[in-house]
Amino acid sequence: MTTVTPQRDNNARLEELDELTQAAWMAYSERLRDLTGSEYAQAEEEGWSLLQDELADLGAQRATLTASAIEQAHPPVK
């Protein structure tokens, strides 16, 4: 039976968050590809807002995982 440690789970999730971050940037870039003028300006404004929301969510998830990993590695002394 294989056991998975919380650290491995955290590392795997952090890697997944990195991939999702890269995918968010790629999607942003794809939305703008081949657009010009006012179409580009509108798509860029909307796309940038979506990207910032996605990055904020991913960053919050990353911060939670990192804090959890630190707490597991260094539990508070009672």
PDB file of N, CA and C in Angstrom:
ATOM      1  N   MET A   1       0.838  -1.178   0.000  1.00  0.00           N
ATOM      2  CA  MET A   1       0.000   0.000   0.000  1.00  0.00           C
ATOM      3  C   MET A   1       0.884   1.244   0.000  1.00  0.00           C
ATOM      4  N   THR A   2       0.592   2.154  -0.868  1.00  0.00           N
ATOM      5  CA  THR A   2       1.353   3.390  -0.977  1.00  0.00           C
ATOM      6  C   THR A   2       0.746   4.434  -0.054  1.00  0.00           C
ATOM      7  N   THR A   3       1.611   5.101   0.696  1.00  0.00           N
ATOM      8  CA  THR A   3       1.120   6.201   1.522  1.00  0.00           C
ATOM      9  C   THR A   3       1.616   7.501   0.938  1.00  0.00           C
ATOM     10  N   VAL A   4       0.778   8.498   1.034  1.00  0.00           N
ATOM     11  CA  VAL A   4       1.124   9.810   0.510  1.00  0.00           C
ATOM     12  C   VAL A   4       1.227  10.755   1.693  1.00  0.00           C
ATOM     13  N   THR A   5       2.344  11.414   1.803  1.00  0.00           N
ATOM     14  CA  THR A   5       2.536  12.338   2.906  1.00  0.00           C
ATOM     15  C   THR A   5       1.899  13.678   2.578  1.00  0.00           C
ATOM     16  N   PRO A   6       1.534  14.430   3.612  1.00  0.00           N
ATOM     17  CA  PRO A   6       0.991  15.770   3.350  1.00  0.00           C
ATOM     18  C   PRO A   6       1.957  16.636   2.545  1.00  0.00           C
ATOM     19  N   GLN A   7       3.265  16.482   2.778  1.00  0.00           N
ATOM     20  CA  GLN A   7       4.249  17.267   2.032  1.00  0.00           C
ATOM     21  C   GLN A   7       4.189  16.949   0.540  1.00  0.00           C
ATOM     22  N   ARG A   8       4.047  15.671   0.215  1.00  0.00           N
ATOM     23  CA  ARG A   8       3.923  15.284  -1.194  1.00  0.00           C
ATOM     24  C   ARG A   8       2.657  15.860  -1.801  1.00  0.00           C
ATOM     25  N   ASP A   9       1.558  15.798  -1.022  1.00  0.00           N
ATOM     26  CA  ASP A   9       0.299  16.381  -1.500  1.00  0.00           C
ATOM     27  C   ASP A   9       0.478  17.868  -1.767  1.00  0.00           C
ATOM     28  N   ASN A  10       1.117  18.573  -0.827  1.00  0.00           N
ATOM     29  CA  ASN A  10       1.354  20.011  -0.996  1.00  0.00           C
ATOM     30  C   ASN A  10       2.227  20.283  -2.211  1.00  0.00           C
ATOM     31  N   ASN A  11       3.293  19.514  -2.363  1.00  0.00           N
ATOM     32  CA  ASN A  11       4.191  19.717  -3.508  1.00  0.00           C
ATOM     33  C   ASN A  11       3.464  19.487  -4.826  1.00  0.00           C
ATOM     34  N   ALA A  12       2.664  18.445  -4.886  1.00  0.00           N
ATOM     35  CA  ALA A  12       1.908  18.156  -6.107  1.00  0.00           C
ATOM     36  C   ALA A  12       0.917  19.278  -6.390  1.00  0.00           C
ATOM     37  N   ARG A  13       0.254  19.767  -5.368  1.00  0.00           N
ATOM     38  CA  ARG A  13      -0.717  20.853  -5.559  1.00  0.00           C
ATOM     39  C   ARG A  13      -0.013  22.137  -5.970  1.00  0.00           C
ATOM     40  N   LEU A  14       1.167  22.415  -5.388  1.00  0.00           N
ATOM     41  CA  LEU A  14       1.927  23.600  -5.786  1.00  0.00           C
ATOM     42  C   LEU A  14       2.341  23.518  -7.248  1.00  0.00           C
ATOM     43  N   GLU A  15       2.743  22.336  -7.693  1.00  0.00           N
ATOM     44  CA  GLU A  15       3.084  22.151  -9.110  1.00  0.00           C
ATOM     45  C   GLU A  15       1.851  22.382  -9.986  1.00  0.00           C
ATOM     46  N   GLU A  16       0.702  21.882  -9.533  1.00  0.00           N
ATOM     47  CA  GLU A  16      -0.530  22.081 -10.278  1.00  0.00           C
ATOM     48  C   GLU A  16      -0.882  23.573 -10.347  1.00  0.00           C
ATOM     49  N   LEU A  17      -0.695  24.285  -9.247  1.00  0.00           N
ATOM     50  CA  LEU A  17      -0.960  25.722  -9.239  1.00  0.00           C
ATOM     51  C   LEU A  17      -0.024  26.459 -10.192  1.00  0.00           C
ATOM     52  N   ASP A  18       1.237  26.017 -10.264  1.00  0.00           N
ATOM     53  CA  ASP A  18       2.175  26.612 -11.227  1.00  0.00           C
ATOM     54  C   ASP A  18       1.682  26.396 -12.660  1.00  0.00           C
ATOM     55  N   GLU A  19       1.202  25.187 -12.936  1.00  0.00           N
ATOM     56  CA  GLU A  19       0.688  24.884 -14.272  1.00  0.00           C
ATOM     57  C   GLU A  19      -0.560  25.710 -14.582  1.00  0.00           C
ATOM     58  N   LEU A  20      -1.428  25.866 -13.593  1.00  0.00           N
ATOM     59  CA  LEU A  20      -2.637  26.664 -13.790  1.00  0.00           C
ATOM     60  C   LEU A  20      -2.293  28.136 -14.001  1.00  0.00           C
ATOM     61  N   THR A  21      -1.266  28.614 -13.326  1.00  0.00           N
ATOM     62  CA  THR A  21      -0.814  29.991 -13.513  1.00  0.00           C
ATOM     63  C   THR A  21      -0.308  30.192 -14.935  1.00  0.00           C
ATOM     64  N   GLN A  22       0.500  29.256 -15.393  1.00  0.00           N
ATOM     65  CA  GLN A  22       1.006  29.331 -16.762  1.00  0.00           C
ATOM     66  C   GLN A  22      -0.143  29.252 -17.769  1.00  0.00           C
ATOM     67  N   ALA A  23      -1.116  28.390 -17.506  1.00  0.00           N
ATOM     68  CA  ALA A  23      -2.264  28.261 -18.404  1.00  0.00           C
ATOM     69  C   ALA A  23      -3.088  29.550 -18.437  1.00  0.00           C
ATOM     70  N   ALA A  24      -3.214  30.220 -17.299  1.00  0.00           N
ATOM     71  CA  ALA A  24      -3.962  31.482 -17.247  1.00  0.00           C
ATOM     72  C   ALA A  24      -3.285  32.536 -18.109  1.00  0.00           C
ATOM     73  N   TRP A  25      -1.960  32.624 -18.015  1.00  0.00           N
ATOM     74  CA  TRP A  25      -1.221  33.581 -18.849  1.00  0.00           C
ATOM     75  C   TRP A  25      -1.348  33.239 -20.323  1.00  0.00           C
ATOM     76  N   MET A  26      -1.292  31.946 -20.652  1.00  0.00           N
ATOM     77  CA  MET A  26      -1.414  31.529 -22.048  1.00  0.00           C
ATOM     78  C   MET A  26      -2.807  31.854 -22.586  1.00  0.00           C
ATOM     79  N   ALA A  27      -3.848  31.620 -21.773  1.00  0.00           N
ATOM     80  CA  ALA A  27      -5.211  31.929 -22.200  1.00  0.00           C
ATOM     81  C   ALA A  27      -5.367  33.428 -22.437  1.00  0.00           C
ATOM     82  N   TYR A  28      -4.777  34.228 -21.571  1.00  0.00           N
ATOM     83  CA  TYR A  28      -4.811  35.687 -21.738  1.00  0.00           C
ATOM     84  C   TYR A  28      -4.176  36.073 -23.073  1.00  0.00           C
ATOM     85  N   SER A  29      -3.023  35.512 -23.337  1.00  0.00           N
ATOM     86  CA  SER A  29      -2.314  35.803 -24.582  1.00  0.00           C
ATOM     87  C   SER A  29      -3.123  35.359 -25.802  1.00  0.00           C
ATOM     88  N   GLU A  30      -3.722  34.189 -25.705  1.00  0.00           N
ATOM     89  CA  GLU A  30      -4.515  33.660 -26.822  1.00  0.00           C
ATOM     90  C   GLU A  30      -5.727  34.543 -27.120  1.00  0.00           C
ATOM     91  N   ARG A  31      -6.354  35.087 -26.058  1.00  0.00           N
ATOM     92  CA  ARG A  31      -7.521  35.954 -26.256  1.00  0.00           C
ATOM     93  C   ARG A  31      -7.170  37.188 -27.086  1.00  0.00           C
ATOM     94  N   LEU A  32      -5.925  37.608 -27.002  1.00  0.00           N
ATOM     95  CA  LEU A  32      -5.506  38.842 -27.674  1.00  0.00           C
ATOM     96  C   LEU A  32      -4.885  38.612 -29.050  1.00  0.00           C
ATOM     97  N   ARG A  33      -4.491  37.390 -29.296  1.00  0.00           N
ATOM     98  CA  ARG A  33      -3.813  37.082 -30.553  1.00  0.00           C
ATOM     99  C   ARG A  33      -4.682  37.454 -31.738  1.00  0.00           C
ATOM    100  N   ASP A  34      -4.085  38.065 -32.689  1.00  0.00           N
ATOM    101  CA  ASP A  34      -4.722  38.438 -33.960  1.00  0.00           C
ATOM    102  C   ASP A  34      -5.748  39.562 -33.845  1.00  0.00           C
ATOM    103  N   LEU A  35      -5.856  40.198 -32.677  1.00  0.00           N
ATOM    104  CA  LEU A  35      -6.771  41.334 -32.548  1.00  0.00           C
ATOM    105  C   LEU A  35      -5.991  42.631 -32.751  1.00  0.00           C
ATOM    106  N   THR A  36      -6.682  43.629 -33.247  1.00  0.00           N
ATOM    107  CA  THR A  36      -6.066  44.945 -33.431  1.00  0.00           C
ATOM    108  C   THR A  36      -7.071  46.025 -33.041  1.00  0.00           C
ATOM    109  N   GLY A  37      -6.548  47.213 -32.865  1.00  0.00           N
ATOM    110  CA  GLY A  37      -7.394  48.378 -32.654  1.00  0.00           C
ATOM    111  C   GLY A  37      -8.307  48.267 -31.455  1.00  0.00           C
ATOM    112  N   SER A  38      -9.539  48.697 -31.660  1.00  0.00           N
ATOM    113  CA  SER A  38     -10.495  48.731 -30.557  1.00  0.00           C
ATOM    114  C   SER A  38     -10.867  47.330 -30.070  1.00  0.00           C
ATOM    115  N   GLU A  39     -10.852  46.346 -30.987  1.00  0.00           N
ATOM    116  CA  GLU A  39     -11.113  44.963 -30.553  1.00  0.00           C
ATOM    117  C   GLU A  39     -10.048  44.516 -29.558  1.00  0.00           C
ATOM    118  N   TYR A  40      -8.785  44.841 -29.865  1.00  0.00           N
ATOM    119  CA  TYR A  40      -7.691  44.488 -28.970  1.00  0.00           C
ATOM    120  C   TYR A  40      -7.855  45.205 -27.637  1.00  0.00           C
ATOM    121  N   ALA A  41      -8.127  46.504 -27.674  1.00  0.00           N
ATOM    122  CA  ALA A  41      -8.244  47.300 -26.451  1.00  0.00           C
ATOM    123  C   ALA A  41      -9.334  46.743 -25.542  1.00  0.00           C
ATOM    124  N   GLN A  42     -10.482  46.418 -26.107  1.00  0.00           N
ATOM    125  CA  GLN A  42     -11.588  45.884 -25.310  1.00  0.00           C
ATOM    126  C   GLN A  42     -11.245  44.507 -24.750  1.00  0.00           C
ATOM    127  N   ALA A  43     -10.714  43.636 -25.608  1.00  0.00           N
ATOM    128  CA  ALA A  43     -10.363  42.281 -25.178  1.00  0.00           C
ATOM    129  C   ALA A  43      -9.243  42.310 -24.146  1.00  0.00           C
ATOM    130  N   GLU A  44      -8.301  43.234 -24.301  1.00  0.00           N
ATOM    131  CA  GLU A  44      -7.193  43.330 -23.356  1.00  0.00           C
ATOM    132  C   GLU A  44      -7.697  43.758 -21.984  1.00  0.00           C
ATOM    133  N   GLU A  45      -8.585  44.737 -21.951  1.00  0.00           N
ATOM    134  CA  GLU A  45      -9.120  45.214 -20.672  1.00  0.00           C
ATOM    135  C   GLU A  45      -9.895  44.104 -19.954  1.00  0.00           C
ATOM    136  N   GLU A  46     -10.762  43.437 -20.686  1.00  0.00           N
ATOM    137  CA  GLU A  46     -11.540  42.349 -20.098  1.00  0.00           C
ATOM    138  C   GLU A  46     -10.636  41.169 -19.718  1.00  0.00           C
ATOM    139  N   GLY A  47      -9.725  40.827 -20.619  1.00  0.00           N
ATOM    140  CA  GLY A  47      -8.816  39.710 -20.373  1.00  0.00           C
ATOM    141  C   GLY A  47      -7.909  39.958 -19.182  1.00  0.00           C
ATOM    142  N   TRP A  48      -7.425  41.197 -19.052  1.00  0.00           N
ATOM    143  CA  TRP A  48      -6.540  41.543 -17.943  1.00  0.00           C
ATOM    144  C   TRP A  48      -7.285  41.390 -16.613  1.00  0.00           C
ATOM    145  N   SER A  49      -8.532  41.822 -16.583  1.00  0.00           N
ATOM    146  CA  SER A  49      -9.342  41.699 -15.374  1.00  0.00           C
ATOM    147  C   SER A  49      -9.539  40.227 -14.998  1.00  0.00           C
ATOM    148  N   LEU A  50      -9.863  39.418 -15.992  1.00  0.00           N
ATOM    149  CA  LEU A  50     -10.026  37.978 -15.744  1.00  0.00           C
ATOM    150  C   LEU A  50      -8.721  37.355 -15.264  1.00  0.00           C
ATOM    151  N   LEU A  51      -7.634  37.715 -15.910  1.00  0.00           N
ATOM    152  CA  LEU A  51      -6.332  37.176 -15.525  1.00  0.00           C
ATOM    153  C   LEU A  51      -6.003  37.551 -14.089  1.00  0.00           C
ATOM    154  N   GLN A  52      -6.215  38.798 -13.716  1.00  0.00           N
ATOM    155  CA  GLN A  52      -5.907  39.228 -12.355  1.00  0.00           C
ATOM    156  C   GLN A  52      -6.746  38.476 -11.331  1.00  0.00           C
ATOM    157  N   ASP A  53      -8.011  38.225 -11.646  1.00  0.00           N
ATOM    158  CA  ASP A  53      -8.870  37.445 -10.744  1.00  0.00           C
ATOM    159  C   ASP A  53      -8.333  36.021 -10.586  1.00  0.00           C
ATOM    160  N   GLU A  54      -7.973  35.409 -11.717  1.00  0.00           N
ATOM    161  CA  GLU A  54      -7.444  34.046 -11.675  1.00  0.00           C
ATOM    162  C   GLU A  54      -6.136  33.989 -10.893  1.00  0.00           C
ATOM    163  N   LEU A  55      -5.244  34.936 -11.163  1.00  0.00           N
ATOM    164  CA  LEU A  55      -3.955  34.945 -10.476  1.00  0.00           C
ATOM    165  C   LEU A  55      -4.118  35.188  -8.977  1.00  0.00           C
ATOM    166  N   ALA A  56      -5.066  36.037  -8.613  1.00  0.00           N
ATOM    167  CA  ALA A  56      -5.324  36.288  -7.191  1.00  0.00           C
ATOM    168  C   ALA A  56      -5.824  35.020  -6.505  1.00  0.00           C
ATOM    169  N   ASP A  57      -6.726  34.303  -7.166  1.00  0.00           N
ATOM    170  CA  ASP A  57      -7.246  33.055  -6.602  1.00  0.00           C
ATOM    171  C   ASP A  57      -6.134  32.020  -6.460  1.00  0.00           C
ATOM    172  N   LEU A  58      -5.339  31.866  -7.499  1.00  0.00           N
ATOM    173  CA  LEU A  58      -4.237  30.906  -7.449  1.00  0.00           C
ATOM    174  C   LEU A  58      -3.212  31.304  -6.391  1.00  0.00           C
ATOM    175  N   GLY A  59      -2.951  32.595  -6.267  1.00  0.00           N
ATOM    176  CA  GLY A  59      -2.017  33.077  -5.250  1.00  0.00           C
ATOM    177  C   GLY A  59      -2.523  32.801  -3.842  1.00  0.00           C
ATOM    178  N   ALA A  60      -3.820  32.975  -3.630  1.00  0.00           N
ATOM    179  CA  ALA A  60      -4.404  32.692  -2.317  1.00  0.00           C
ATOM    180  C   ALA A  60      -4.296  31.204  -1.993  1.00  0.00           C
ATOM    181  N   GLN A  61      -4.550  30.361  -2.983  1.00  0.00           N
ATOM    182  CA  GLN A  61      -4.410  28.920  -2.772  1.00  0.00           C
ATOM    183  C   GLN A  61      -2.960  28.561  -2.450  1.00  0.00           C
ATOM    184  N   ARG A  62      -2.024  29.173  -3.171  1.00  0.00           N
ATOM    185  CA  ARG A  62      -0.602  28.920  -2.947  1.00  0.00           C
ATOM    186  C   ARG A  62      -0.206  29.353  -1.530  1.00  0.00           C
ATOM    187  N   ALA A  63      -0.686  30.516  -1.094  1.00  0.00           N
ATOM    188  CA  ALA A  63      -0.364  31.019   0.244  1.00  0.00           C
ATOM    189  C   ALA A  63      -0.903  30.089   1.330  1.00  0.00           C
ATOM    190  N   THR A  64      -2.112  29.577   1.124  1.00  0.00           N
ATOM    191  CA  THR A  64      -2.700  28.650   2.098  1.00  0.00           C
ATOM    192  C   THR A  64      -1.882  27.370   2.192  1.00  0.00           C
ATOM    193  N   LEU A  65      -1.491  26.832   1.044  1.00  0.00           N
ATOM    194  CA  LEU A  65      -0.674  25.614   1.043  1.00  0.00           C
ATOM    195  C   LEU A  65       0.683  25.846   1.691  1.00  0.00           C
ATOM    196  N   THR A  66       1.290  26.964   1.380  1.00  0.00           N
ATOM    197  CA  THR A  66       2.606  27.276   1.934  1.00  0.00           C
ATOM    198  C   THR A  66       2.529  27.432   3.446  1.00  0.00           C
ATOM    199  N   ALA A  67       1.516  28.141   3.925  1.00  0.00           N
ATOM    200  CA  ALA A  67       1.344  28.317   5.366  1.00  0.00           C
ATOM    201  C   ALA A  67       1.115  26.973   6.049  1.00  0.00           C
ATOM    202  N   SER A  68       0.319  26.122   5.420  1.00  0.00           N
ATOM    203  CA  SER A  68       0.052  24.792   5.963  1.00  0.00           C
ATOM    204  C   SER A  68       1.334  23.958   6.031  1.00  0.00           C
ATOM    205  N   ALA A  69       2.139  24.024   4.975  1.00  0.00           N
ATOM    206  CA  ALA A  69       3.392  23.271   4.941  1.00  0.00           C
ATOM    207  C   ALA A  69       4.353  23.764   6.021  1.00  0.00           C
ATOM    208  N   ILE A  70       4.405  25.065   6.216  1.00  0.00           N
ATOM    209  CA  ILE A  70       5.283  25.620   7.252  1.00  0.00           C
ATOM    210  C   ILE A  70       4.812  25.178   8.631  1.00  0.00           C
ATOM    211  N   GLU A  71       3.501  25.220   8.837  1.00  0.00           N
ATOM    212  CA  GLU A  71       2.959  24.806  10.125  1.00  0.00           C
ATOM    213  C   GLU A  71       3.228  23.336  10.387  1.00  0.00           C
ATOM    214  N   GLN A  72       3.109  22.504   9.365  1.00  0.00           N
ATOM    215  CA  GLN A  72       3.380  21.073   9.530  1.00  0.00           C
ATOM    216  C   GLN A  72       4.850  20.818   9.818  1.00  0.00           C
ATOM    217  N   ALA A  73       5.716  21.578   9.183  1.00  0.00           N
ATOM    218  CA  ALA A  73       7.157  21.398   9.376  1.00  0.00           C
ATOM    219  C   ALA A  73       7.615  21.947  10.716  1.00  0.00           C
ATOM    220  N   HIS A  74       6.945  22.988  11.172  1.00  0.00           N
ATOM    221  CA  HIS A  74       7.339  23.662  12.416  1.00  0.00           C
ATOM    222  C   HIS A  74       6.094  23.913  13.271  1.00  0.00           C
ATOM    223  N   PRO A  75       5.561  22.870  13.890  1.00  0.00           N
ATOM    224  CA  PRO A  75       4.350  23.078  14.696  1.00  0.00           C
ATOM    225  C   PRO A  75       4.614  24.024  15.851  1.00  0.00           C
ATOM    226  N   PRO A  76       3.579  24.779  16.252  1.00  0.00           N
ATOM    227  CA  PRO A  76       3.777  25.706  17.361  1.00  0.00           C
ATOM    228  C   PRO A  76       4.132  24.963  18.644  1.00  0.00           C
ATOM    229  N   VAL A  77       4.993  25.558  19.428  1.00  0.00           N
ATOM    230  CA  VAL A  77       5.408  24.981  20.704  1.00  0.00           C
ATOM    231  C   VAL A  77       4.388  25.390  21.751  1.00  0.00           C
ATOM    232  N   LYS A  78       3.944  24.410  22.515  1.00  0.00           N
ATOM    233  CA  LYS A  78       2.949  24.706  23.558  1.00  0.00           C
ATOM    234  C   LYS A  78       3.567  24.614  24.924  1.00  0.00           C
TER     235      LYS A  78
END
